[in-house]
Amino acid sequence: MSKKAWLGAVVLFFVWGFVMHTTGLLLHEFGGHALASRIFGCGIDGYKLTFFGHGQVHYAPCTRWTSSTILVADWAGLALTAGAGLVAAVVVRRPRLSPMARLLVALVAFFFLLGQLGYATSGGFHDLYDPGRTARRLGARGLHVLAWLPALVAYAAASFFGARAAVDAFREHFGTRTRLHGLRQLASTLGVAGVLYFAAFRIEWQLRRDMEMRGVAAEAERIAVARHGPKPFPIEHVLLAVAVVAVIYALARPVNAAAQASAPSRRLRTVVATSAAICFVTLALLIARA
């Protein structure tokens, strides 16, 4: 792979990560929570978004909520974004897609499903954020395990499906010859883009001190310290281990050495660049208005 091709791949994956994040964020917060609160409550009276990290909406004070509709609003963001991941998982099986297009769609399925199901698992386990209200109600009935175990099982299934689909498409596009060759290709392109995106996320997260809602694990530890309780079990480590095992399994599968490397089509690059521009402008306008 030439330096130009390598740089192009890293930039493409980084930009696509931004598109996925923005799309998932808007689906979750506005297509899910905000829309549900408009239907069942009194809408929202504020929101906070970031370019690379998380977001949150604030429900307007309202007397229209019922014990059932508030749960619908809690789960609306998770359900809608996970549903989009399921649609991507179906689309990725279409034979007419080019290898790179299939890879990008597989990444949508992988990260949307793992992101939402992982959130459902950790939030349900720790009784926090969107799944928290449901988890507390189930816990009061002695059924707390139902607040996180089904989501964990679904997370594991999505991990193995998504990792396999993404790795197969990656190998086909980059013309991988051996397992080790594929691992090096993956680390030097998608891996580098992921590290850069995580760095951008961490920098923005440190700068955005106005975001009250921190990660589930951090909030669970903060509550435990405030209550002088034991350190909570790190269910997030279990989620990470499952995802890592799924990727290792996908990388360990036989390689089709006959695959020939190809370059992303101009049309695909244009679609990704245009999508990123639309996402950036949309986020910038929303953040400016918040």
Protein backbone atom coordinates (compact mmCIF):
# COMPACT_ATOMS: atom_id res chain seq x y z
CA MET A 1 0.00 0.00 0.00
CA SER A 2 1.43 3.38 -1.01
CA LYS A 3 1.61 6.27 1.45
CA LYS A 4 -1.08 8.09 -0.52
CA ALA A 5 -3.41 5.08 -0.38
CA TRP A 6 -2.69 4.62 3.34
CA LEU A 7 -3.40 8.27 4.15
CA GLY A 8 -6.56 8.17 2.06
CA ALA A 9 -7.79 5.10 3.95
CA VAL A 10 -7.09 6.66 7.36
CA VAL A 11 -8.85 9.90 6.41
CA LEU A 12 -11.81 8.00 4.95
CA PHE A 13 -12.25 5.92 8.11
CA PHE A 14 -11.87 8.95 10.38
CA VAL A 15 -14.42 10.95 8.41
CA TRP A 16 -16.82 8.00 8.31
CA GLY A 17 -16.47 7.67 12.08
CA PHE A 18 -17.58 11.29 12.38
CA VAL A 19 -20.57 10.62 10.11
CA MET A 20 -21.55 7.57 12.16
CA HIS A 21 -21.22 9.46 15.43
CA THR A 22 -23.27 12.42 14.25
CA THR A 23 -25.99 10.28 12.71
CA GLY A 24 -26.23 8.08 15.79
CA LEU A 25 -26.21 11.08 18.12
CA LEU A 26 -29.01 12.87 16.28
CA LEU A 27 -31.06 9.68 15.95
CA HIS A 28 -30.70 8.92 19.65
CA GLU A 29 -31.24 12.37 21.13
CA PHE A 30 -33.65 14.01 18.67
CA GLY A 31 -35.24 11.17 16.70
CA GLY A 32 -35.65 9.20 19.92
CA HIS A 33 -35.82 11.21 23.14
CA ALA A 34 -36.91 14.60 21.81
CA LEU A 35 -39.60 13.17 19.53
CA ALA A 36 -40.95 10.89 22.25
CA SER A 37 -41.05 13.77 24.72
CA ARG A 38 -42.95 15.85 22.16
CA ILE A 39 -45.51 13.06 21.68
CA PHE A 40 -45.95 11.98 25.30
CA GLY A 41 -44.73 14.98 27.27
CA CYS A 42 -44.12 18.67 26.67
CA GLY A 43 -41.03 18.48 24.48
CA ILE A 44 -37.53 19.48 25.52
CA ASP A 45 -36.30 22.74 27.01
CA GLY A 46 -32.63 22.27 26.21
CA TYR A 47 -29.92 20.02 24.84
CA LYS A 48 -26.15 19.66 24.72
CA LEU A 49 -24.17 18.06 21.91
CA THR A 50 -20.52 17.46 21.14
CA PHE A 51 -18.68 16.93 17.85
CA PHE A 52 -16.93 13.71 18.84
CA GLY A 53 -18.52 12.51 22.06
CA HIS A 54 -21.92 12.36 23.64
CA GLY A 55 -25.07 14.43 23.87
CA GLN A 56 -28.09 14.88 26.08
CA VAL A 57 -31.54 16.45 26.01
CA HIS A 58 -33.53 17.87 28.91
CA TYR A 59 -37.24 17.20 29.09
CA ALA A 60 -39.40 20.24 29.72
CA PRO A 61 -41.32 20.17 33.04
CA CYS A 62 -44.65 18.52 32.33
CA THR A 63 -47.61 16.83 33.99
CA ARG A 64 -48.55 14.75 30.93
CA TRP A 65 -46.07 11.98 31.66
CA THR A 66 -47.33 8.62 32.91
CA SER A 67 -45.33 5.78 34.40
CA SER A 68 -45.47 4.01 31.03
CA THR A 69 -44.82 6.87 28.63
CA ILE A 70 -41.73 8.01 30.52
CA LEU A 71 -40.28 4.54 29.96
CA VAL A 72 -41.06 4.82 26.25
CA ALA A 73 -39.14 8.09 26.12
CA ASP A 74 -36.26 6.56 28.09
CA TRP A 75 -35.88 3.75 25.56
CA ALA A 76 -36.77 5.67 22.39
CA GLY A 77 -33.21 6.75 21.63
CA LEU A 78 -31.77 3.29 22.21
CA ALA A 79 -34.48 1.59 20.19
CA LEU A 80 -34.25 3.92 17.20
CA THR A 81 -30.46 3.85 16.94
CA ALA A 82 -30.26 0.10 17.48
CA GLY A 83 -32.95 -0.27 14.83
CA ALA A 84 -30.78 1.69 12.41
CA GLY A 85 -27.96 -0.72 13.23
CA LEU A 86 -30.23 -3.66 12.42
CA VAL A 87 -31.12 -2.09 9.07
CA ALA A 88 -27.42 -1.72 8.31
CA ALA A 89 -26.89 -5.38 9.26
CA VAL A 90 -29.48 -6.35 6.64
CA VAL A 91 -28.13 -4.00 3.97
CA VAL A 92 -24.57 -5.27 4.39
CA ARG A 93 -25.64 -8.64 3.00
CA ARG A 94 -26.59 -7.16 -0.37
CA PRO A 95 -24.28 -8.67 -3.01
CA ARG A 96 -24.21 -5.58 -5.23
CA LEU A 97 -22.27 -3.49 -2.73
CA SER A 98 -18.59 -2.88 -3.41
CA PRO A 99 -16.19 -4.19 -0.73
CA MET A 100 -15.54 -0.70 0.68
CA ALA A 101 -19.24 0.20 0.69
CA ARG A 102 -19.96 -3.10 2.45
CA LEU A 103 -17.24 -2.32 4.98
CA LEU A 104 -18.64 1.13 5.77
CA VAL A 105 -22.16 -0.27 6.19
CA ALA A 106 -20.78 -3.10 8.36
CA LEU A 107 -19.10 -0.51 10.58
CA VAL A 108 -22.45 1.24 11.01
CA ALA A 109 -24.07 -2.04 12.06
CA PHE A 110 -21.16 -2.89 14.37
CA PHE A 111 -20.89 0.43 16.18
CA PHE A 112 -24.59 1.30 16.31
CA LEU A 113 -25.55 -2.09 17.72
CA LEU A 114 -22.61 -2.40 20.09
CA GLY A 115 -22.91 1.20 21.22
CA GLN A 116 -26.61 0.97 22.04
CA LEU A 117 -26.65 -2.59 23.39
CA GLY A 118 -23.54 -1.86 25.44
CA TYR A 119 -25.23 1.25 26.83
CA ALA A 120 -28.35 -0.78 27.63
CA THR A 121 -26.22 -3.39 29.41
CA SER A 122 -24.09 -1.03 31.49
CA GLY A 123 -26.91 1.41 32.22
CA GLY A 124 -29.23 -1.43 33.24
CA PHE A 125 -26.54 -3.06 35.37
CA HIS A 126 -25.74 0.17 37.25
CA ASP A 127 -29.32 1.59 37.26
CA LEU A 128 -28.19 4.70 35.40
CA TYR A 129 -29.34 7.01 32.62
CA ASP A 130 -31.76 5.80 29.94
CA PRO A 131 -32.13 2.20 31.19
CA GLY A 132 -31.98 3.26 34.84
CA ARG A 133 -35.68 3.77 35.52
CA THR A 134 -36.55 0.38 34.02
CA ALA A 135 -33.72 -1.30 35.93
CA ARG A 136 -34.90 0.11 39.25
CA ARG A 137 -38.46 -1.05 38.62
CA LEU A 138 -37.29 -4.53 37.70
CA GLY A 139 -35.01 -4.57 40.74
CA ALA A 140 -37.92 -3.73 43.02
CA ARG A 141 -39.60 -6.91 41.74
CA GLY A 142 -36.51 -9.08 42.14
CA LEU A 143 -35.92 -9.17 38.37
CA HIS A 144 -32.92 -6.88 38.08
CA VAL A 145 -31.02 -9.41 35.97
CA LEU A 146 -33.52 -8.76 33.17
CA ALA A 147 -32.36 -5.15 33.08
CA TRP A 148 -28.97 -6.09 31.63
CA LEU A 149 -28.53 -9.80 30.79
CA PRO A 150 -30.73 -9.89 27.64
CA ALA A 151 -28.92 -6.82 26.34
CA LEU A 152 -25.57 -8.47 27.06
CA VAL A 153 -26.57 -11.58 25.10
CA ALA A 154 -27.72 -9.43 22.17
CA TYR A 155 -24.48 -7.45 22.43
CA ALA A 156 -22.43 -10.63 22.13
CA ALA A 157 -24.39 -11.79 19.08
CA ALA A 158 -24.03 -8.39 17.41
CA SER A 159 -20.30 -8.35 18.19
CA PHE A 160 -19.61 -11.61 16.37
CA PHE A 161 -21.86 -10.80 13.42
CA GLY A 162 -20.56 -7.25 13.01
CA ALA A 163 -16.89 -8.16 13.43
CA ARG A 164 -17.12 -10.94 10.87
CA ALA A 165 -18.93 -8.77 8.31
CA ALA A 166 -16.48 -5.89 8.76
CA VAL A 167 -13.33 -8.04 8.63
CA ASP A 168 -14.50 -9.96 5.57
CA ALA A 169 -15.27 -6.73 3.70
CA PHE A 170 -11.99 -5.18 4.84
CA ARG A 171 -9.98 -8.14 3.57
CA GLU A 172 -11.79 -8.13 0.25
CA HIS A 173 -11.21 -4.42 -0.31
CA PHE A 174 -7.55 -4.34 0.72
CA GLY A 175 -6.62 -7.66 -0.91
CA THR A 176 -5.42 -9.31 2.29
CA ARG A 177 -3.08 -12.26 1.66
CA THR A 178 -2.65 -13.77 5.13
CA ARG A 179 -4.09 -13.35 8.61
CA LEU A 180 -0.98 -11.47 9.80
CA HIS A 181 -1.06 -9.28 6.72
CA GLY A 182 -4.70 -8.46 7.43
CA LEU A 183 -3.94 -7.64 11.05
CA ARG A 184 -1.20 -5.20 10.00
CA GLN A 185 -3.50 -3.61 7.43
CA LEU A 186 -6.30 -3.26 9.96
CA ALA A 187 -4.05 -1.76 12.63
CA SER A 188 -2.39 0.71 10.25
CA THR A 189 -5.63 2.05 8.74
CA LEU A 190 -8.80 1.52 10.73
CA GLY A 191 -6.81 1.26 13.96
CA VAL A 192 -4.96 4.54 13.38
CA ALA A 193 -8.21 6.29 12.45
CA GLY A 194 -9.80 4.94 15.63
CA VAL A 195 -6.94 6.22 17.80
CA LEU A 196 -7.14 9.66 16.19
CA TYR A 197 -10.89 9.78 16.70
CA PHE A 198 -10.56 8.73 20.34
CA ALA A 199 -7.94 11.46 20.86
CA ALA A 200 -10.31 14.05 19.37
CA PHE A 201 -13.09 12.75 21.63
CA ARG A 202 -10.93 12.96 24.76
CA ILE A 203 -9.73 16.48 23.95
CA GLU A 204 -13.25 17.74 23.35
CA TRP A 205 -14.56 15.92 26.43
CA GLN A 206 -11.98 17.66 28.61
CA LEU A 207 -12.85 21.03 27.14
CA ARG A 208 -16.62 20.61 27.45
CA ARG A 209 -17.05 21.09 31.19
CA ASP A 210 -20.70 21.96 30.65
CA MET A 211 -21.63 18.32 30.02
CA GLU A 212 -23.12 17.05 33.28
CA MET A 213 -23.72 13.54 31.96
CA ARG A 214 -20.52 11.51 32.11
CA GLY A 215 -19.92 7.90 31.15
CA VAL A 216 -21.87 5.17 32.93
CA ALA A 217 -18.77 3.66 34.56
CA ALA A 218 -17.52 7.03 35.82
CA GLU A 219 -20.93 7.95 37.21
CA ALA A 220 -21.32 4.55 38.91
CA GLU A 221 -17.93 4.98 40.61
CA ARG A 222 -18.78 8.54 41.67
CA ILE A 223 -22.03 7.38 43.27
CA ALA A 224 -20.26 4.51 45.05
CA VAL A 225 -17.67 6.90 46.50
CA ALA A 226 -20.35 9.38 47.57
CA ARG A 227 -22.25 6.61 49.36
CA HIS A 228 -19.07 5.10 50.82
CA GLY A 229 -19.98 1.84 49.14
CA PRO A 230 -17.85 -0.81 47.44
CA LYS A 231 -16.47 -0.22 43.98
CA PRO A 232 -19.08 -1.34 41.43
CA PHE A 233 -18.39 -4.39 39.30
CA PRO A 234 -16.87 -3.21 35.99
CA ILE A 235 -19.43 -4.65 33.58
CA GLU A 236 -17.83 -2.44 30.92
CA HIS A 237 -14.75 -4.70 31.03
CA VAL A 238 -16.96 -7.65 30.17
CA LEU A 239 -18.36 -5.74 27.19
CA LEU A 240 -14.87 -4.86 26.01
CA ALA A 241 -13.69 -8.45 26.38
CA VAL A 242 -16.64 -9.73 24.33
CA ALA A 243 -15.93 -7.25 21.53
CA VAL A 244 -12.21 -8.09 21.52
CA VAL A 245 -12.91 -11.83 21.36
CA ALA A 246 -15.34 -11.24 18.49
CA VAL A 247 -12.72 -9.31 16.52
CA ILE A 248 -10.05 -11.94 17.23
CA TYR A 249 -12.42 -14.66 16.05
CA ALA A 250 -13.13 -12.73 12.85
CA LEU A 251 -9.41 -12.19 12.21
CA ALA A 252 -8.66 -15.88 12.85
CA ARG A 253 -10.97 -17.05 10.09
CA PRO A 254 -9.40 -18.23 6.79
CA VAL A 255 -8.35 -15.56 4.30
CA ASN A 256 -9.44 -15.53 0.67
CA ALA A 257 -6.00 -14.98 -0.82
CA ALA A 258 -7.50 -14.52 -4.29
CA ALA A 259 -9.00 -11.14 -3.35
CA GLN A 260 -7.45 -8.20 -5.18
CA ALA A 261 -6.90 -4.81 -3.58
CA SER A 262 -9.08 -2.02 -4.92
CA ALA A 263 -9.46 1.71 -4.39
CA PRO A 264 -12.66 3.35 -3.13
CA SER A 265 -14.71 4.66 -6.03
CA ARG A 266 -14.92 8.38 -6.61
CA ARG A 267 -18.66 8.19 -6.04
CA LEU A 268 -18.16 6.57 -2.63
CA ARG A 269 -15.59 9.17 -1.60
CA THR A 270 -17.97 11.92 -2.68
CA VAL A 271 -20.84 10.42 -0.68
CA VAL A 272 -18.69 10.16 2.45
CA ALA A 273 -17.30 13.70 2.09
CA THR A 274 -20.75 15.18 1.43
CA SER A 275 -22.24 13.30 4.37
CA ALA A 276 -19.46 14.57 6.64
CA ALA A 277 -20.00 18.16 5.50
CA ILE A 278 -23.74 17.94 6.13
CA CYS A 279 -23.14 16.38 9.55
CA PHE A 280 -20.59 19.04 10.51
CA VAL A 281 -22.81 21.95 9.50
CA THR A 282 -25.82 20.40 11.24
CA LEU A 283 -23.90 19.81 14.47
CA ALA A 284 -22.28 23.25 14.37
CA LEU A 285 -25.65 24.96 13.98
CA LEU A 286 -27.25 22.89 16.74
CA ILE A 287 -24.35 23.47 19.14
CA ALA A 288 -24.39 27.21 18.40
CA ARG A 289 -28.13 27.36 19.15
CA ALA A 290 -27.98 25.28 22.33
